Amino acid sequence: MEKFVRKEGLVAPLDRANVDTDAIIPKQFLKSIQRTGFGPNLFDEWRYLDRGEPGKDDSKRPLNPDFVLNKKQFEGATVLLARENFGCGSSREHAPWALQQFGFQAVIAPSFADIFFNNSLKNGLVLIKFDTKIVDQLFKEAAATAGYRLAVDLEQQTVSTPTGESFEFEMDPFRKHCIMNGLDDIGLTLTHADKIRAFETKHKVAQPWLF
């Protein structure tokens, strides 16, 4: 998992509430047993004018010119700005995978669905909750400023605007530690590798018949 301490990025404003996980990554793409390749199908039904299917050449599909992520000024955006209840609907870890593999490193919204929130943090996608008034302000600034960028400082737990205004956000200390150090659940377990090996060695001596 990639470390996240402080990153600055272009903002893409997705002005929609109650964006569910089936919109983030439609169900037909969940057939894959791999954890890669979901980026091209992020928001598939909104980004394209035809129906997407696994194995289809997305580079030849017609794009919806009205969808925000298809607009040239938001190409390469790494911060997604959204409305309340982002990530609602069914539980699927593919949703944060798709967002990350498209290039997003952080999502800012007034609220997130609980399962999506936990899945995202476990995968190193930083989710930031702000009061609706702050989110409204960020949407207005993004609409008024070409190339609008935000700096997300996880260590200080702040988001800073181009004018220097800064907003504080909350983050669970354990998840903050994991994301800043690039530790998913497997990586966190491996930090105790010496203790695990010592236990296994002792266990083999004490109960050799199990091996």
Protein backbone atom coordinates (compact mmCIF):
# COMPACT_ATOMS: atom_id res chain seq x y z
CA MET A 1 0.00 0.00 0.00
CA GLU A 2 1.33 3.45 -0.93
CA LYS A 3 2.23 5.81 1.90
CA PHE A 4 0.20 9.00 2.28
CA VAL A 5 1.60 11.83 4.38
CA ARG A 6 0.96 15.05 2.46
CA LYS A 7 -0.24 15.34 -1.11
CA GLU A 8 -1.50 18.16 -3.27
CA GLY A 9 -3.75 17.46 -6.22
CA LEU A 10 -6.22 18.69 -8.79
CA VAL A 11 -9.84 18.54 -7.62
CA ALA A 12 -12.69 16.94 -9.60
CA PRO A 13 -16.12 18.09 -8.34
CA LEU A 14 -18.74 15.33 -8.51
CA ASP A 15 -21.86 17.26 -7.56
CA ARG A 16 -24.06 14.27 -6.70
CA ALA A 17 -25.42 12.93 -3.41
CA ASN A 18 -26.01 9.27 -2.51
CA VAL A 19 -23.49 7.91 -5.01
CA ASP A 20 -23.73 4.16 -4.48
CA THR A 21 -21.08 1.51 -5.01
CA ASP A 22 -22.84 0.14 -8.09
CA ALA A 23 -22.38 3.54 -9.70
CA ILE A 24 -18.75 3.64 -8.58
CA ILE A 25 -18.02 0.21 -10.10
CA PRO A 26 -20.98 -1.64 -11.72
CA LYS A 27 -21.73 -5.20 -10.68
CA GLN A 28 -20.65 -6.87 -13.96
CA PHE A 29 -17.03 -5.93 -13.22
CA LEU A 30 -16.99 -7.80 -9.89
CA LYS A 31 -16.44 -11.10 -11.70
CA SER A 32 -12.70 -10.52 -11.73
CA ILE A 33 -10.66 -12.23 -9.01
CA GLN A 34 -7.80 -9.76 -9.57
CA ARG A 35 -7.35 -6.57 -7.57
CA THR A 36 -6.26 -4.54 -10.59
CA GLY A 37 -7.75 -3.13 -13.76
CA PHE A 38 -10.85 -1.43 -12.33
CA GLY A 39 -9.82 2.18 -13.05
CA PRO A 40 -11.12 2.33 -16.65
CA ASN A 41 -14.56 1.29 -15.41
CA LEU A 42 -14.91 3.75 -12.55
CA PHE A 43 -18.39 5.37 -12.82
CA ASP A 44 -18.78 3.30 -15.99
CA GLU A 45 -22.46 4.01 -16.61
CA TRP A 46 -21.88 7.76 -16.27
CA ARG A 47 -18.59 8.02 -18.15
CA TYR A 48 -19.60 6.06 -21.25
CA LEU A 49 -22.58 6.17 -23.60
CA ASP A 50 -22.74 2.39 -24.03
CA ARG A 51 -22.80 -0.53 -21.58
CA GLY A 52 -19.45 -1.72 -20.32
CA GLU A 53 -18.52 -5.36 -19.99
CA PRO A 54 -15.43 -7.15 -18.65
CA GLY A 55 -12.87 -7.59 -21.44
CA LYS A 56 -14.34 -4.83 -23.58
CA ASP A 57 -11.86 -2.35 -25.13
CA ASP A 58 -12.71 0.79 -23.17
CA SER A 59 -10.45 2.95 -25.35
CA LYS A 60 -12.89 2.53 -28.24
CA ARG A 61 -16.07 3.22 -26.29
CA PRO A 62 -18.01 6.50 -26.74
CA LEU A 63 -17.53 8.89 -23.82
CA ASN A 64 -20.24 11.01 -22.25
CA PRO A 65 -18.95 14.57 -22.85
CA ASP A 66 -21.11 15.97 -20.04
CA PHE A 67 -19.65 13.82 -17.27
CA VAL A 68 -17.18 15.68 -15.07
CA LEU A 69 -14.33 13.15 -15.29
CA ASN A 70 -14.42 13.30 -19.08
CA LYS A 71 -13.75 17.04 -19.15
CA LYS A 72 -10.18 17.91 -20.05
CA GLN A 73 -9.75 20.42 -17.20
CA PHE A 74 -10.15 17.59 -14.68
CA GLU A 75 -7.77 15.16 -16.35
CA GLY A 76 -5.31 13.82 -13.80
CA ALA A 77 -7.42 14.81 -10.77
CA THR A 78 -6.39 13.09 -7.54
CA VAL A 79 -8.92 14.62 -5.13
CA LEU A 80 -12.62 13.86 -5.58
CA LEU A 81 -15.15 16.29 -4.11
CA ALA A 82 -18.59 14.76 -3.54
CA ARG A 83 -21.85 15.21 -1.68
CA GLU A 84 -23.40 13.38 1.29
CA ASN A 85 -23.66 9.61 1.72
CA PHE A 86 -20.94 8.79 -0.79
CA GLY A 87 -20.35 5.04 -1.18
CA CYS A 88 -23.79 3.87 -0.08
CA GLY A 89 -25.33 0.61 -1.32
CA SER A 90 -23.82 -2.85 -1.41
CA SER A 91 -20.52 -3.77 0.19
CA ARG A 92 -17.74 -4.17 -2.36
CA GLU A 93 -14.06 -3.52 -1.84
CA HIS A 94 -13.82 -3.02 -5.61
CA ALA A 95 -15.22 0.52 -5.13
CA PRO A 96 -12.15 2.00 -3.42
CA TRP A 97 -9.92 -0.08 -5.73
CA ALA A 98 -11.58 1.53 -8.78
CA LEU A 99 -11.21 5.05 -7.34
CA GLN A 100 -7.55 4.52 -6.54
CA GLN A 101 -6.73 2.83 -9.83
CA PHE A 102 -8.32 5.75 -11.68
CA GLY A 103 -5.92 8.02 -9.80
CA PHE A 104 -7.82 9.37 -6.81
CA GLN A 105 -5.92 9.55 -3.53
CA ALA A 106 -8.54 11.31 -1.41
CA VAL A 107 -12.30 11.88 -1.37
CA ILE A 108 -13.94 14.81 0.43
CA ALA A 109 -17.65 14.72 1.31
CA PRO A 110 -20.02 15.58 4.17
CA SER A 111 -20.62 11.88 4.92
CA PHE A 112 -19.77 8.37 3.73
CA ALA A 113 -21.46 5.00 4.01
CA ASP A 114 -19.87 3.04 6.88
CA ILE A 115 -18.72 -0.09 5.03
CA PHE A 116 -17.31 1.93 2.13
CA PHE A 117 -15.56 4.20 4.63
CA ASN A 118 -13.82 1.29 6.36
CA ASN A 119 -12.94 -0.48 3.09
CA SER A 120 -11.37 2.71 1.76
CA LEU A 121 -9.20 3.40 4.78
CA LYS A 122 -8.00 -0.22 4.83
CA ASN A 123 -6.83 0.26 1.25
CA GLY A 124 -5.15 3.61 1.85
CA LEU A 125 -7.80 5.82 0.19
CA VAL A 126 -8.09 8.89 2.43
CA LEU A 127 -11.69 9.87 3.14
CA ILE A 128 -12.31 13.29 4.65
CA LYS A 129 -15.58 14.38 6.26
CA PHE A 130 -16.37 18.08 6.33
CA ASP A 131 -19.42 20.03 7.36
CA THR A 132 -21.77 20.70 4.45
CA LYS A 133 -20.95 24.43 4.56
CA ILE A 134 -17.26 23.71 3.98
CA VAL A 135 -18.04 21.27 1.16
CA ASP A 136 -20.33 23.89 -0.42
CA GLN A 137 -17.48 26.41 -0.24
CA LEU A 138 -15.05 24.00 -1.88
CA PHE A 139 -17.53 23.27 -4.68
CA LYS A 140 -17.96 27.00 -5.32
CA GLU A 141 -14.22 27.60 -5.36
CA ALA A 142 -13.62 24.63 -7.66
CA ALA A 143 -16.25 25.99 -10.09
CA ALA A 144 -14.76 29.47 -10.03
CA THR A 145 -11.08 28.53 -10.29
CA ALA A 146 -9.51 26.71 -13.23
CA GLY A 147 -7.07 24.04 -12.09
CA TYR A 148 -8.35 24.19 -8.52
CA ARG A 149 -6.05 22.21 -6.22
CA LEU A 150 -6.16 21.16 -2.58
CA ALA A 151 -3.33 20.07 -0.29
CA VAL A 152 -4.20 17.19 2.02
CA ASP A 153 -1.88 16.86 5.00
CA LEU A 154 -2.67 13.63 6.83
CA GLU A 155 -0.03 14.19 9.49
CA GLN A 156 -1.53 17.57 10.46
CA GLN A 157 -5.06 16.44 9.49
CA THR A 158 -5.71 19.54 7.41
CA VAL A 159 -6.89 20.42 3.92
CA SER A 160 -5.52 23.69 2.52
CA THR A 161 -6.94 25.75 -0.35
CA PRO A 162 -4.93 27.77 -2.91
CA THR A 163 -5.64 30.94 -0.87
CA GLY A 164 -4.02 29.42 2.21
CA GLU A 165 -7.24 28.73 4.09
CA SER A 166 -7.00 25.52 6.09
CA PHE A 167 -9.65 23.15 7.43
CA GLU A 168 -9.06 20.46 10.05
CA PHE A 169 -10.54 16.96 9.76
CA GLU A 170 -10.76 13.97 12.08
CA MET A 171 -8.98 10.67 11.50
CA ASP A 172 -8.83 7.51 13.58
CA PRO A 173 -5.26 7.34 15.01
CA PHE A 174 -4.81 3.66 14.11
CA ARG A 175 -5.90 4.15 10.49
CA LYS A 176 -3.81 7.31 10.28
CA HIS A 177 -0.73 5.34 11.37
CA CYS A 178 -1.43 2.59 8.83
CA ILE A 179 -1.97 4.94 5.89
CA MET A 180 1.01 7.15 6.69
CA ASN A 181 3.22 4.07 6.84
CA GLY A 182 1.68 2.28 3.87
CA LEU A 183 0.40 -0.65 5.92
CA ASP A 184 -2.61 -2.66 4.82
CA ASP A 185 -3.77 -5.56 7.01
CA ILE A 186 -1.11 -7.90 5.60
CA GLY A 187 1.61 -5.28 5.89
CA LEU A 188 0.60 -4.58 9.48
CA THR A 189 0.82 -8.29 10.32
CA LEU A 190 4.27 -8.50 8.73
CA THR A 191 5.59 -5.82 11.10
CA HIS A 192 5.40 -8.61 13.68
CA ALA A 193 7.23 -11.13 11.47
CA ASP A 194 10.01 -11.79 14.03
CA LYS A 195 7.48 -12.61 16.76
CA ILE A 196 5.52 -14.84 14.38
CA ARG A 197 8.65 -16.79 13.40
CA ALA A 198 9.66 -17.13 17.06
CA PHE A 199 6.21 -18.49 17.92
CA GLU A 200 6.30 -20.97 15.02
CA THR A 201 9.74 -22.23 16.05
CA LYS A 202 8.64 -22.69 19.67
CA HIS A 203 5.41 -24.34 18.54
CA LYS A 204 7.27 -26.89 16.39
CA VAL A 205 9.46 -27.87 19.36
CA ALA A 206 6.55 -28.12 21.79
CA GLN A 207 4.20 -30.00 19.42
CA PRO A 208 6.28 -31.61 16.67
CA TRP A 209 3.53 -34.10 15.79
CA LEU A 210 1.51 -31.28 14.25
CA PHE A 211 4.21 -30.75 11.63
